[in-house]
All heavy atoms as atom14 arrays in JSON, in Angstrom:
{
  "sequence": "QAHLQGRGPAERRRCYAEVMDLVARMSLRGGEGFDPAWTWQTPRYD",
  "atom14_mask": [
    [1, 1, 1, 1, 1, 1, 1, 1, 1, 0, 0, 0, 0, 0],
    [1, 1, 1, 1, 1, 0, 0, 0, 0, 0, 0, 0, 0, 0],
    [1, 1, 1, 1, 1, 1, 1, 1, 1, 1, 0, 0, 0, 0],
    [1, 1, 1, 1, 1, 1, 1, 1, 0, 0, 0, 0, 0, 0],
    [1, 1, 1, 1, 1, 1, 1, 1, 1, 0, 0, 0, 0, 0],
    [1, 1, 1, 1, 0, 0, 0, 0, 0, 0, 0, 0, 0, 0],
    [1, 1, 1, 1, 1, 1, 1, 1, 1, 1, 1, 0, 0, 0],
    [1, 1, 1, 1, 0, 0, 0, 0, 0, 0, 0, 0, 0, 0],
    [1, 1, 1, 1, 1, 1, 1, 0, 0, 0, 0, 0, 0, 0],
    [1, 1, 1, 1, 1, 0, 0, 0, 0, 0, 0, 0, 0, 0],
    [1, 1, 1, 1, 1, 1, 1, 1, 1, 0, 0, 0, 0, 0],
    [1, 1, 1, 1, 1, 1, 1, 1, 1, 1, 1, 0, 0, 0],
    [1, 1, 1, 1, 1, 1, 1, 1, 1, 1, 1, 0, 0, 0],
    [1, 1, 1, 1, 1, 1, 1, 1, 1, 1, 1, 0, 0, 0],
    [1, 1, 1, 1, 1, 1, 0, 0, 0, 0, 0, 0, 0, 0],
    [1, 1, 1, 1, 1, 1, 1, 1, 1, 1, 1, 1, 0, 0],
    [1, 1, 1, 1, 1, 0, 0, 0, 0, 0, 0, 0, 0, 0],
    [1, 1, 1, 1, 1, 1, 1, 1, 1, 0, 0, 0, 0, 0],
    [1, 1, 1, 1, 1, 1, 1, 0, 0, 0, 0, 0, 0, 0],
    [1, 1, 1, 1, 1, 1, 1, 1, 0, 0, 0, 0, 0, 0],
    [1, 1, 1, 1, 1, 1, 1, 1, 0, 0, 0, 0, 0, 0],
    [1, 1, 1, 1, 1, 1, 1, 1, 0, 0, 0, 0, 0, 0],
    [1, 1, 1, 1, 1, 1, 1, 0, 0, 0, 0, 0, 0, 0],
    [1, 1, 1, 1, 1, 0, 0, 0, 0, 0, 0, 0, 0, 0],
    [1, 1, 1, 1, 1, 1, 1, 1, 1, 1, 1, 0, 0, 0],
    [1, 1, 1, 1, 1, 1, 1, 1, 0, 0, 0, 0, 0, 0],
    [1, 1, 1, 1, 1, 1, 0, 0, 0, 0, 0, 0, 0, 0],
    [1, 1, 1, 1, 1, 1, 1, 1, 0, 0, 0, 0, 0, 0],
    [1, 1, 1, 1, 1, 1, 1, 1, 1, 1, 1, 0, 0, 0],
    [1, 1, 1, 1, 0, 0, 0, 0, 0, 0, 0, 0, 0, 0],
    [1, 1, 1, 1, 0, 0, 0, 0, 0, 0, 0, 0, 0, 0],
    [1, 1, 1, 1, 1, 1, 1, 1, 1, 0, 0, 0, 0, 0],
    [1, 1, 1, 1, 0, 0, 0, 0, 0, 0, 0, 0, 0, 0],
    [1, 1, 1, 1, 1, 1, 1, 1, 1, 1, 1, 0, 0, 0],
    [1, 1, 1, 1, 1, 1, 1, 1, 0, 0, 0, 0, 0, 0],
    [1, 1, 1, 1, 1, 1, 1, 0, 0, 0, 0, 0, 0, 0],
    [1, 1, 1, 1, 1, 0, 0, 0, 0, 0, 0, 0, 0, 0],
    [1, 1, 1, 1, 1, 1, 1, 1, 1, 1, 1, 1, 1, 1],
    [1, 1, 1, 1, 1, 1, 1, 0, 0, 0, 0, 0, 0, 0],
    [1, 1, 1, 1, 1, 1, 1, 1, 1, 1, 1, 1, 1, 1],
    [1, 1, 1, 1, 1, 1, 1, 1, 1, 0, 0, 0, 0, 0],
    [1, 1, 1, 1, 1, 1, 1, 0, 0, 0, 0, 0, 0, 0],
    [1, 1, 1, 1, 1, 1, 1, 0, 0, 0, 0, 0, 0, 0],
    [1, 1, 1, 1, 1, 1, 1, 1, 1, 1, 1, 0, 0, 0],
    [1, 1, 1, 1, 1, 1, 1, 1, 1, 1, 1, 1, 0, 0],
    [1, 1, 1, 1, 1, 1, 1, 1, 0, 0, 0, 0, 0, 0]
  ],
  "atom14_positions": [
    [[-51.47, -3.53, 5.91], [-51.4, -2.29, 5.15], [-52.48, -2.25, 4.07], [-53.19, -1.26, 3.93], [-50.02, -2.13, 4.52], [-49.9, -0.86, 3.69], [-48.54, -0.77, 3.01], [-47.72, -1.67, 3.1], [-48.31, 0.33, 2.33], [0.0, 0.0, 0.0], [0.0, 0.0, 0.0], [0.0, 0.0, 0.0], [0.0, 0.0, 0.0], [0.0, 0.0, 0.0]],
    [[-52.62, -3.33, 3.33], [-53.64, -3.37, 2.28], [-55.04, -3.31, 2.87], [-55.93, -2.65, 2.32], [-53.49, -4.64, 1.44], [0.0, 0.0, 0.0], [0.0, 0.0, 0.0], [0.0, 0.0, 0.0], [0.0, 0.0, 0.0], [0.0, 0.0, 0.0], [0.0, 0.0, 0.0], [0.0, 0.0, 0.0], [0.0, 0.0, 0.0], [0.0, 0.0, 0.0]],
    [[-55.26, -3.97, 3.99], [-56.57, -3.97, 4.65], [-56.96, -2.56, 5.09], [-58.14, -2.19, 5.03], [-56.55, -4.91, 5.86], [-57.8, -4.89, 6.65], [-58.97, -5.48, 6.21], [-58.08, -4.35, 7.87], [-59.91, -5.3, 7.12], [-59.39, -4.62, 8.12], [0.0, 0.0, 0.0], [0.0, 0.0, 0.0], [0.0, 0.0, 0.0], [0.0, 0.0, 0.0]],
    [[-55.98, -1.78, 5.51], [-56.28, -0.45, 6.05], [-56.36, 0.65, 4.99], [-56.86, 1.74, 5.28], [-55.23, -0.06, 7.1], [-55.25, -0.91, 8.37], [-54.12, -0.5, 9.29], [-56.59, -0.8, 9.07], [0.0, 0.0, 0.0], [0.0, 0.0, 0.0], [0.0, 0.0, 0.0], [0.0, 0.0, 0.0], [0.0, 0.0, 0.0], [0.0, 0.0, 0.0]],
    [[-55.89, 0.38, 3.8], [-55.94, 1.4, 2.75], [-57.39, 1.8, 2.48], [-58.27, 0.96, 2.33], [-55.29, 0.91, 1.47], [-53.8, 0.9, 1.57], [-53.13, 0.44, 0.29], [-53.71, -0.25, -0.52], [-51.88, 0.83, 0.12], [0.0, 0.0, 0.0], [0.0, 0.0, 0.0], [0.0, 0.0, 0.0], [0.0, 0.0, 0.0], [0.0, 0.0, 0.0]],
    [[-57.62, 3.11, 2.46], [-58.95, 3.63, 2.17], [-59.89, 3.64, 3.36], [-61.05, 4.03, 3.23], [0.0, 0.0, 0.0], [0.0, 0.0, 0.0], [0.0, 0.0, 0.0], [0.0, 0.0, 0.0], [0.0, 0.0, 0.0], [0.0, 0.0, 0.0], [0.0, 0.0, 0.0], [0.0, 0.0, 0.0], [0.0, 0.0, 0.0], [0.0, 0.0, 0.0]],
    [[-59.42, 3.2, 4.51], [-60.28, 3.2, 5.7], [-60.06, 4.48, 6.49], [-58.99, 5.05, 6.47], [-59.99, 1.98, 6.56], [-60.18, 0.69, 5.77], [-60.39, -0.47, 6.68], [-60.37, -1.71, 5.92], [-61.44, -2.41, 5.61], [-62.62, -2.0, 5.98], [-61.33, -3.52, 4.93], [0.0, 0.0, 0.0], [0.0, 0.0, 0.0], [0.0, 0.0, 0.0]],
    [[-61.07, 4.87, 7.2], [-61.0, 6.09, 7.99], [-60.19, 5.92, 9.26], [-59.84, 4.8, 9.65], [0.0, 0.0, 0.0], [0.0, 0.0, 0.0], [0.0, 0.0, 0.0], [0.0, 0.0, 0.0], [0.0, 0.0, 0.0], [0.0, 0.0, 0.0], [0.0, 0.0, 0.0], [0.0, 0.0, 0.0], [0.0, 0.0, 0.0], [0.0, 0.0, 0.0]],
    [[-59.9, 7.05, 9.93], [-59.07, 7.01, 11.15], [-59.65, 6.12, 12.25], [-58.89, 5.41, 12.91], [-59.02, 8.47, 11.6], [-59.39, 9.27, 10.4], [-60.25, 8.41, 9.54], [0.0, 0.0, 0.0], [0.0, 0.0, 0.0], [0.0, 0.0, 0.0], [0.0, 0.0, 0.0], [0.0, 0.0, 0.0], [0.0, 0.0, 0.0], [0.0, 0.0, 0.0]],
    [[-60.96, 6.12, 12.43], [-61.56, 5.3, 13.5], [-61.35, 3.81, 13.22], [-61.0, 3.04, 14.13], [-63.05, 5.61, 13.64], [0.0, 0.0, 0.0], [0.0, 0.0, 0.0], [0.0, 0.0, 0.0], [0.0, 0.0, 0.0], [0.0, 0.0, 0.0], [0.0, 0.0, 0.0], [0.0, 0.0, 0.0], [0.0, 0.0, 0.0], [0.0, 0.0, 0.0]],
    [[-61.53, 3.4, 11.98], [-61.34, 1.99, 11.62], [-59.87, 1.6, 11.73], [-59.54, 0.51, 12.19], [-61.86, 1.72, 10.2], [-61.62, 0.32, 9.7], [-62.36, -0.77, 10.47], [-63.22, -0.47, 11.31], [-62.04, -1.95, 10.24], [0.0, 0.0, 0.0], [0.0, 0.0, 0.0], [0.0, 0.0, 0.0], [0.0, 0.0, 0.0], [0.0, 0.0, 0.0]],
    [[-58.97, 2.49, 11.33], [-57.54, 2.2, 11.46], [-57.15, 2.05, 12.93], [-56.42, 1.13, 13.29], [-56.69, 3.27, 10.77], [-56.74, 3.18, 9.26], [-55.64, 4.0, 8.6], [-55.62, 5.39, 8.98], [-56.26, 6.37, 8.35], [-56.96, 6.1, 7.27], [-56.18, 7.61, 8.76], [0.0, 0.0, 0.0], [0.0, 0.0, 0.0], [0.0, 0.0, 0.0]],
    [[-57.66, 2.96, 13.78], [-57.36, 2.86, 15.22], [-57.88, 1.53, 15.79], [-57.19, 0.88, 16.57], [-58.0, 4.03, 15.98], [-57.04, 5.15, 16.27], [-57.6, 6.16, 17.24], [-58.87, 6.74, 16.85], [-59.03, 7.71, 15.96], [-57.98, 8.23, 15.36], [-60.22, 8.18, 15.66], [0.0, 0.0, 0.0], [0.0, 0.0, 0.0], [0.0, 0.0, 0.0]],
    [[-59.1, 1.14, 15.4], [-59.68, -0.11, 15.89], [-58.81, -1.3, 15.48], [-58.51, -2.18, 16.28], [-61.11, -0.29, 15.38], [-61.81, -1.51, 15.98], [-63.05, -1.91, 15.23], [-62.79, -2.39, 13.88], [-62.23, -3.56, 13.57], [-61.84, -4.37, 14.51], [-62.04, -3.91, 12.31], [0.0, 0.0, 0.0], [0.0, 0.0, 0.0], [0.0, 0.0, 0.0]],
    [[-58.39, -1.32, 14.21], [-57.54, -2.42, 13.72], [-56.2, -2.45, 14.42], [-55.72, -3.52, 14.82], [-57.35, -2.31, 12.21], [-58.8, -2.82, 11.28], [0.0, 0.0, 0.0], [0.0, 0.0, 0.0], [0.0, 0.0, 0.0], [0.0, 0.0, 0.0], [0.0, 0.0, 0.0], [0.0, 0.0, 0.0], [0.0, 0.0, 0.0], [0.0, 0.0, 0.0]],
    [[-55.57, -1.28, 14.57], [-54.28, -1.25, 15.25], [-54.4, -1.67, 16.71], [-53.54, -2.37, 17.24], [-53.62, 0.13, 15.15], [-52.94, 0.37, 13.83], [-53.29, 1.45, 13.02], [-51.92, -0.48, 13.39], [-52.66, 1.66, 11.81], [-51.29, -0.28, 12.18], [-51.66, 0.8, 11.4], [-51.04, 1.0, 10.2], [0.0, 0.0, 0.0], [0.0, 0.0, 0.0]],
    [[-55.49, -1.29, 17.37], [-55.7, -1.71, 18.76], [-55.84, -3.23, 18.82], [-55.28, -3.88, 19.72], [-56.95, -1.03, 19.34], [0.0, 0.0, 0.0], [0.0, 0.0, 0.0], [0.0, 0.0, 0.0], [0.0, 0.0, 0.0], [0.0, 0.0, 0.0], [0.0, 0.0, 0.0], [0.0, 0.0, 0.0], [0.0, 0.0, 0.0], [0.0, 0.0, 0.0]],
    [[-56.55, -3.82, 17.88], [-56.71, -5.27, 17.84], [-55.36, -5.96, 17.61], [-55.04, -6.96, 18.26], [-57.69, -5.66, 16.74], [-58.05, -7.11, 16.72], [-59.08, -7.45, 15.64], [-59.89, -6.58, 15.27], [-59.04, -8.6, 15.17], [0.0, 0.0, 0.0], [0.0, 0.0, 0.0], [0.0, 0.0, 0.0], [0.0, 0.0, 0.0], [0.0, 0.0, 0.0]],
    [[-54.56, -5.41, 16.7], [-53.24, -5.97, 16.43], [-52.36, -5.88, 17.68], [-51.67, -6.84, 18.04], [-52.57, -5.28, 15.22], [-51.1, -5.62, 15.13], [-53.3, -5.64, 13.95], [0.0, 0.0, 0.0], [0.0, 0.0, 0.0], [0.0, 0.0, 0.0], [0.0, 0.0, 0.0], [0.0, 0.0, 0.0], [0.0, 0.0, 0.0], [0.0, 0.0, 0.0]],
    [[-52.4, -4.74, 18.36], [-51.57, -4.59, 19.56], [-52.02, -5.53, 20.67], [-51.2, -6.07, 21.42], [-51.57, -3.13, 20.04], [-50.87, -2.18, 19.05], [-49.24, -2.76, 18.5], [-48.34, -2.79, 20.01], [0.0, 0.0, 0.0], [0.0, 0.0, 0.0], [0.0, 0.0, 0.0], [0.0, 0.0, 0.0], [0.0, 0.0, 0.0], [0.0, 0.0, 0.0]],
    [[-53.33, -5.76, 20.78], [-53.82, -6.75, 21.75], [-53.27, -8.13, 21.41], [-52.87, -8.88, 22.31], [-55.35, -6.8, 21.75], [-55.97, -5.6, 22.45], [-55.25, -4.87, 23.16], [-57.19, -5.38, 22.27], [0.0, 0.0, 0.0], [0.0, 0.0, 0.0], [0.0, 0.0, 0.0], [0.0, 0.0, 0.0], [0.0, 0.0, 0.0], [0.0, 0.0, 0.0]],
    [[-53.24, -8.49, 20.12], [-52.7, -9.79, 19.71], [-51.21, -9.89, 19.99], [-50.71, -10.92, 20.42], [-52.99, -10.05, 18.24], [-54.44, -10.35, 17.89], [-54.63, -10.36, 16.38], [-54.87, -11.67, 18.49], [0.0, 0.0, 0.0], [0.0, 0.0, 0.0], [0.0, 0.0, 0.0], [0.0, 0.0, 0.0], [0.0, 0.0, 0.0], [0.0, 0.0, 0.0]],
    [[-50.47, -8.79, 19.76], [-49.03, -8.78, 20.05], [-48.8, -8.97, 21.54], [-47.94, -9.75, 21.96], [-48.38, -7.48, 19.53], [-46.95, -7.33, 20.07], [-48.38, -7.44, 18.02], [0.0, 0.0, 0.0], [0.0, 0.0, 0.0], [0.0, 0.0, 0.0], [0.0, 0.0, 0.0], [0.0, 0.0, 0.0], [0.0, 0.0, 0.0], [0.0, 0.0, 0.0]],
    [[-49.6, -8.3, 22.35], [-49.46, -8.44, 23.81], [-49.79, -9.88, 24.23], [-49.07, -10.47, 25.04], [-50.37, -7.45, 24.53], [0.0, 0.0, 0.0], [0.0, 0.0, 0.0], [0.0, 0.0, 0.0], [0.0, 0.0, 0.0], [0.0, 0.0, 0.0], [0.0, 0.0, 0.0], [0.0, 0.0, 0.0], [0.0, 0.0, 0.0], [0.0, 0.0, 0.0]],
    [[-50.86, -10.45, 23.66], [-51.24, -11.82, 24.0], [-50.12, -12.79, 23.59], [-49.77, -13.7, 24.33], [-52.54, -12.21, 23.32], [-52.95, -13.62, 23.71], [-54.29, -14.1, 23.26], [-55.0, -13.35, 22.28], [-55.9, -13.87, 21.46], [-56.2, -15.16, 21.52], [-56.53, -13.13, 20.59], [0.0, 0.0, 0.0], [0.0, 0.0, 0.0], [0.0, 0.0, 0.0]],
    [[-49.56, -12.57, 22.4], [-48.48, -13.45, 21.96], [-47.28, -13.33, 22.89], [-46.67, -14.33, 23.27], [-48.05, -13.1, 20.53], [-46.97, -14.03, 20.01], [-46.53, -13.79, 18.3], [-45.48, -12.36, 18.42], [0.0, 0.0, 0.0], [0.0, 0.0, 0.0], [0.0, 0.0, 0.0], [0.0, 0.0, 0.0], [0.0, 0.0, 0.0], [0.0, 0.0, 0.0]],
    [[-46.96, -12.11, 23.3], [-45.81, -11.92, 24.18], [-46.03, -12.54, 25.55], [-45.14, -13.21, 26.08], [-45.52, -10.42, 24.34], [-45.18, -9.86, 23.1], [0.0, 0.0, 0.0], [0.0, 0.0, 0.0], [0.0, 0.0, 0.0], [0.0, 0.0, 0.0], [0.0, 0.0, 0.0], [0.0, 0.0, 0.0], [0.0, 0.0, 0.0], [0.0, 0.0, 0.0]],
    [[-47.21, -12.33, 26.12], [-47.47, -12.85, 27.46], [-47.71, -14.36, 27.46], [-47.04, -15.1, 28.18], [-48.67, -12.12, 28.08], [-48.45, -10.63, 28.34], [-49.75, -9.96, 28.76], [-47.37, -10.42, 29.38], [0.0, 0.0, 0.0], [0.0, 0.0, 0.0], [0.0, 0.0, 0.0], [0.0, 0.0, 0.0], [0.0, 0.0, 0.0], [0.0, 0.0, 0.0]],
    [[-48.65, -14.82, 26.65], [-48.95, -16.25, 26.63], [-47.81, -17.04, 26.0], [-47.52, -18.15, 26.42], [-50.24, -16.5, 25.87], [-51.46, -16.04, 26.62], [-52.71, -16.46, 25.9], [-53.87, -15.94, 26.57], [-55.08, -15.96, 26.05], [-55.28, -16.48, 24.85], [-56.1, -15.47, 26.7], [0.0, 0.0, 0.0], [0.0, 0.0, 0.0], [0.0, 0.0, 0.0]],
    [[-47.2, -16.48, 24.96], [-46.11, -17.18, 24.29], [-44.89, -17.33, 25.17], [-44.12, -18.28, 25.02], [0.0, 0.0, 0.0], [0.0, 0.0, 0.0], [0.0, 0.0, 0.0], [0.0, 0.0, 0.0], [0.0, 0.0, 0.0], [0.0, 0.0, 0.0], [0.0, 0.0, 0.0], [0.0, 0.0, 0.0], [0.0, 0.0, 0.0], [0.0, 0.0, 0.0]],
    [[-44.71, -16.41, 26.11], [-43.57, -16.49, 27.02], [-43.72, -17.57, 28.08], [-42.74, -18.08, 28.61], [0.0, 0.0, 0.0], [0.0, 0.0, 0.0], [0.0, 0.0, 0.0], [0.0, 0.0, 0.0], [0.0, 0.0, 0.0], [0.0, 0.0, 0.0], [0.0, 0.0, 0.0], [0.0, 0.0, 0.0], [0.0, 0.0, 0.0], [0.0, 0.0, 0.0]],
    [[-44.99, -17.93, 28.38], [-45.25, -18.94, 29.41], [-44.82, -20.31, 28.89], [-45.31, -20.8, 27.88], [-46.74, -18.96, 29.74], [-47.24, -17.68, 30.38], [-48.75, -17.63, 30.49], [-49.43, -18.62, 30.13], [-49.25, -16.59, 30.93], [0.0, 0.0, 0.0], [0.0, 0.0, 0.0], [0.0, 0.0, 0.0], [0.0, 0.0, 0.0], [0.0, 0.0, 0.0]],
    [[-43.89, -20.92, 29.57], [-43.43, -22.25, 29.19], [-42.54, -22.28, 27.96], [-42.26, -23.36, 27.43], [0.0, 0.0, 0.0], [0.0, 0.0, 0.0], [0.0, 0.0, 0.0], [0.0, 0.0, 0.0], [0.0, 0.0, 0.0], [0.0, 0.0, 0.0], [0.0, 0.0, 0.0], [0.0, 0.0, 0.0], [0.0, 0.0, 0.0], [0.0, 0.0, 0.0]],
    [[-42.07, -21.12, 27.52], [-41.21, -21.08, 26.33], [-39.85, -21.67, 26.68], [-39.25, -21.35, 27.69], [-41.05, -19.64, 25.84], [-40.27, -19.56, 24.55], [-40.91, -19.72, 23.34], [-38.91, -19.34, 24.56], [-40.21, -19.67, 22.16], [-38.19, -19.29, 23.38], [-38.85, -19.45, 22.17], [0.0, 0.0, 0.0], [0.0, 0.0, 0.0], [0.0, 0.0, 0.0]],
    [[-39.35, -22.53, 25.81], [-38.05, -23.18, 26.02], [-37.04, -22.6, 25.03], [-37.17, -22.79, 23.82], [-38.19, -24.68, 25.79], [-36.92, -25.45, 26.09], [-35.85, -24.82, 26.27], [-36.99, -26.69, 26.12], [0.0, 0.0, 0.0], [0.0, 0.0, 0.0], [0.0, 0.0, 0.0], [0.0, 0.0, 0.0], [0.0, 0.0, 0.0], [0.0, 0.0, 0.0]],
    [[-36.03, -21.89, 25.51], [-35.03, -21.31, 24.6], [-34.3, -22.35, 23.75], [-33.71, -22.01, 22.73], [-34.05, -20.6, 25.54], [-34.83, -20.35, 26.79], [-35.81, -21.48, 26.9], [0.0, 0.0, 0.0], [0.0, 0.0, 0.0], [0.0, 0.0, 0.0], [0.0, 0.0, 0.0], [0.0, 0.0, 0.0], [0.0, 0.0, 0.0], [0.0, 0.0, 0.0]],
    [[-34.36, -23.62, 24.12], [-33.72, -24.67, 23.32], [-34.41, -24.81, 21.95], [-33.84, -25.4, 21.04], [-33.76, -26.01, 24.05], [0.0, 0.0, 0.0], [0.0, 0.0, 0.0], [0.0, 0.0, 0.0], [0.0, 0.0, 0.0], [0.0, 0.0, 0.0], [0.0, 0.0, 0.0], [0.0, 0.0, 0.0], [0.0, 0.0, 0.0], [0.0, 0.0, 0.0]],
    [[-35.63, -24.27, 21.81], [-36.34, -24.33, 20.53], [-35.78, -23.34, 19.52], [-36.05, -23.46, 18.33], [-37.81, -24.0, 20.71], [-38.58, -24.94, 21.57], [-38.35, -26.28, 21.75], [-39.71, -24.62, 22.36], [-39.28, -26.8, 22.6], [-40.14, -25.8, 22.99], [-40.43, -23.44, 22.59], [-41.23, -25.85, 23.84], [-41.53, -23.48, 23.44], [-41.92, -24.68, 24.05]],
    [[-35.04, -22.37, 19.97], [-34.61, -21.28, 19.08], [-33.51, -21.73, 18.15], [-32.81, -22.72, 18.4], [-34.16, -20.06, 19.89], [-33.03, -20.42, 20.69], [-35.29, -19.53, 20.76], [0.0, 0.0, 0.0], [0.0, 0.0, 0.0], [0.0, 0.0, 0.0], [0.0, 0.0, 0.0], [0.0, 0.0, 0.0], [0.0, 0.0, 0.0], [0.0, 0.0, 0.0]],
    [[-33.35, -20.97, 17.1], [-32.41, -21.35, 16.06], [-31.09, -20.61, 16.2], [-30.04, -21.2, 16.41], [-33.04, -21.1, 14.69], [-32.13, -21.31, 13.54], [-31.37, -22.41, 13.29], [-31.88, -20.41, 12.48], [-30.66, -22.27, 12.12], [-30.96, -21.03, 11.6], [-32.35, -19.15, 12.15], [-30.51, -20.41, 10.44], [-31.91, -18.55, 11.0], [-30.99, -19.19, 10.16]],
    [[-31.09, -19.3, 16.06], [-29.83, -18.55, 16.05], [-29.34, -18.2, 17.44], [-28.15, -18.29, 17.72], [-29.99, -17.26, 15.24], [-30.24, -17.51, 13.77], [-30.54, -16.22, 13.03], [-31.29, -15.37, 13.51], [-29.99, -16.09, 11.85], [0.0, 0.0, 0.0], [0.0, 0.0, 0.0], [0.0, 0.0, 0.0], [0.0, 0.0, 0.0], [0.0, 0.0, 0.0]],
    [[-30.24, -17.75, 18.28], [-29.87, -17.32, 19.63], [-31.01, -17.67, 20.58], [-32.16, -17.75, 20.16], [-29.65, -15.79, 19.7], [-30.88, -15.14, 19.4], [-28.58, -15.33, 18.74], [0.0, 0.0, 0.0], [0.0, 0.0, 0.0], [0.0, 0.0, 0.0], [0.0, 0.0, 0.0], [0.0, 0.0, 0.0], [0.0, 0.0, 0.0], [0.0, 0.0, 0.0]],
    [[-30.71, -17.86, 21.87], [-31.78, -18.18, 22.81], [-32.68, -16.99, 23.15], [-33.77, -17.16, 23.68], [-31.04, -18.68, 24.06], [-29.66, -18.17, 23.93], [-29.39, -17.97, 22.47], [0.0, 0.0, 0.0], [0.0, 0.0, 0.0], [0.0, 0.0, 0.0], [0.0, 0.0, 0.0], [0.0, 0.0, 0.0], [0.0, 0.0, 0.0], [0.0, 0.0, 0.0]],
    [[-32.24, -15.79, 22.85], [-33.03, -14.59, 23.15], [-33.07, -13.67, 21.93], [-32.1, -13.56, 21.2], [-32.42, -13.81, 24.31], [-32.26, -14.59, 25.57], [-31.77, -13.7, 26.69], [-32.87, -12.97, 27.27], [-33.66, -13.45, 28.21], [-33.46, -14.66, 28.65], [-34.62, -12.73, 28.72], [0.0, 0.0, 0.0], [0.0, 0.0, 0.0], [0.0, 0.0, 0.0]],
    [[-34.21, -13.0, 21.78], [-34.32, -11.96, 20.75], [-34.22, -10.65, 21.51], [-35.19, -10.18, 22.11], [-35.66, -12.08, 20.01], [-35.76, -11.16, 18.82], [-35.09, -11.46, 17.64], [-36.5, -10.0, 18.88], [-35.17, -10.62, 16.55], [-36.58, -9.15, 17.79], [-35.93, -9.47, 16.63], [-35.99, -8.64, 15.54], [0.0, 0.0, 0.0], [0.0, 0.0, 0.0]],
    [[-33.03, -10.08, 21.51], [-32.79, -8.88, 22.3], [-32.12, -7.81, 21.45], [-31.98, -7.96, 20.23], [-31.94, -9.22, 23.53], [-30.62, -9.89, 23.18], [-30.19, -9.83, 22.01], [-30.0, -10.49, 24.09], [0.0, 0.0, 0.0], [0.0, 0.0, 0.0], [0.0, 0.0, 0.0], [0.0, 0.0, 0.0], [0.0, 0.0, 0.0], [0.0, 0.0, 0.0]]
  ]
}
């Protein structure tokens, strides 16, 4: 939020696209080989 303050729409779109790419990478790569035994409260975040 602080990084995007004062930036134009094109720069905000570029940053949000980069963040969404990282979220997708975390979801896809992070899911590979993930062991639910590592979790604390519940085995799934649903």
